[in-house]
Amino acid sequence: MCDINAYIFKDGKEEIYLENVDIIRPDQGKVYLKNLFGEQKVFEGSIKEILLLKHRIILEKKT
């Protein structure tokens, strides 16, 4: 199984936001995420970058 983790890009660094992401749904300035265990989070911002080979999703806050 390939685990994909979501990170927040903040102050030039990446901080873990949610591990084992299964669903990503951008919607009007927010990003809805749900992981394999049913944990759900809504991030106010946007997707900065998705790195499939590195299994990373980078999220960025609204400015």
C-alpha atoms as a PDB file:
ATOM      1  CA  MET A   1       0.000   0.000   0.000  1.00  0.00           C
ATOM      2  CA  CYS A   2       1.275   3.475  -0.846  1.00  0.00           C
ATOM      3  CA  ASP A   3       0.683   5.924   1.969  1.00  0.00           C
ATOM      4  CA  ILE A   4       0.224   9.539   0.951  1.00  0.00           C
ATOM      5  CA  ASN A   5       0.575  12.214   3.603  1.00  0.00           C
ATOM      6  CA  ALA A   6      -0.626  15.821   3.518  1.00  0.00           C
ATOM      7  CA  TYR A   7       1.632  18.608   4.747  1.00  0.00           C
ATOM      8  CA  ILE A   8       1.092  22.311   5.383  1.00  0.00           C
ATOM      9  CA  PHE A   9       3.686  24.628   3.861  1.00  0.00           C
ATOM     10  CA  LYS A  10       4.285  27.243   6.560  1.00  0.00           C
ATOM     11  CA  ASP A  11       7.209  29.610   7.132  1.00  0.00           C
ATOM     12  CA  GLY A  12       9.266  27.826   4.479  1.00  0.00           C
ATOM     13  CA  LYS A  13       8.797  24.436   6.161  1.00  0.00           C
ATOM     14  CA  GLU A  14       6.429  21.505   5.796  1.00  0.00           C
ATOM     15  CA  GLU A  15       4.395  20.298   8.792  1.00  0.00           C
ATOM     16  CA  ILE A  16       2.400  17.058   8.762  1.00  0.00           C
ATOM     17  CA  TYR A  17      -1.358  17.677   8.525  1.00  0.00           C
ATOM     18  CA  LEU A  18      -2.926  14.278   7.827  1.00  0.00           C
ATOM     19  CA  GLU A  19      -1.430  10.842   7.246  1.00  0.00           C
ATOM     20  CA  ASN A  20      -2.704   8.064   4.959  1.00  0.00           C
ATOM     21  CA  VAL A  21      -4.827  10.377   2.806  1.00  0.00           C
ATOM     22  CA  ASP A  22      -7.405   8.590   0.672  1.00  0.00           C
ATOM     23  CA  ILE A  23      -9.666  11.414  -0.578  1.00  0.00           C
ATOM     24  CA  ILE A  24      -8.773  14.991  -1.556  1.00  0.00           C
ATOM     25  CA  ARG A  25     -11.527  17.330  -2.689  1.00  0.00           C
ATOM     26  CA  PRO A  26     -10.842  21.050  -3.317  1.00  0.00           C
ATOM     27  CA  ASP A  27     -13.946  23.220  -2.904  1.00  0.00           C
ATOM     28  CA  GLN A  28     -14.161  27.036  -2.965  1.00  0.00           C
ATOM     29  CA  GLY A  29     -10.946  27.913  -1.151  1.00  0.00           C
ATOM     30  CA  LYS A  30     -10.936  24.842   1.075  1.00  0.00           C
ATOM     31  CA  VAL A  31      -9.524  21.354   0.729  1.00  0.00           C
ATOM     32  CA  TYR A  32     -11.484  18.412   2.161  1.00  0.00           C
ATOM     33  CA  LEU A  33      -9.312  15.442   3.154  1.00  0.00           C
ATOM     34  CA  LYS A  34     -10.220  12.017   4.476  1.00  0.00           C
ATOM     35  CA  ASN A  35      -7.776   9.270   5.390  1.00  0.00           C
ATOM     36  CA  LEU A  36      -7.971   5.476   5.277  1.00  0.00           C
ATOM     37  CA  PHE A  37      -9.190   5.360   8.891  1.00  0.00           C
ATOM     38  CA  GLY A  38     -12.127   7.735   8.377  1.00  0.00           C
ATOM     39  CA  GLU A  39     -10.489  10.798   9.951  1.00  0.00           C
ATOM     40  CA  GLN A  40     -11.640  13.937   8.125  1.00  0.00           C
ATOM     41  CA  LYS A  41     -10.166  17.432   8.006  1.00  0.00           C
ATOM     42  CA  VAL A  42     -11.032  20.610   6.120  1.00  0.00           C
ATOM     43  CA  PHE A  43      -8.071  22.858   5.325  1.00  0.00           C
ATOM     44  CA  GLU A  44      -8.674  26.522   4.519  1.00  0.00           C
ATOM     45  CA  GLY A  45      -6.289  27.113   1.647  1.00  0.00           C
ATOM     46  CA  SER A  46      -5.245  25.371  -1.524  1.00  0.00           C
ATOM     47  CA  ILE A  47      -3.150  22.551  -2.899  1.00  0.00           C
ATOM     48  CA  LYS A  48       0.333  23.907  -3.566  1.00  0.00           C
ATOM     49  CA  GLU A  49       1.824  20.748  -4.995  1.00  0.00           C
ATOM     50  CA  ILE A  50       1.237  17.001  -5.304  1.00  0.00           C
ATOM     51  CA  LEU A  51       4.333  14.800  -5.450  1.00  0.00           C
ATOM     52  CA  LEU A  52       3.121  11.332  -6.393  1.00  0.00           C
ATOM     53  CA  LEU A  53       6.481   9.563  -6.377  1.00  0.00           C
ATOM     54  CA  LYS A  54       7.269  11.023  -2.940  1.00  0.00           C
ATOM     55  CA  HIS A  55       3.735  10.310  -1.642  1.00  0.00           C
ATOM     56  CA  ARG A  56       3.221  13.909  -0.523  1.00  0.00           C
ATOM     57  CA  ILE A  57       0.493  16.535  -0.849  1.00  0.00           C
ATOM     58  CA  ILE A  58       1.567  20.062   0.037  1.00  0.00           C
ATOM     59  CA  LEU A  59      -1.165  22.456   1.203  1.00  0.00           C
ATOM     60  CA  GLU A  60      -0.819  26.225   1.480  1.00  0.00           C
ATOM     61  CA  LYS A  61      -2.860  28.615   3.650  1.00  0.00           C
ATOM     62  CA  LYS A  62      -4.810  31.478   2.134  1.00  0.00           C
ATOM     63  CA  THR A  63      -2.934  34.750   2.161  1.00  0.00           C
END
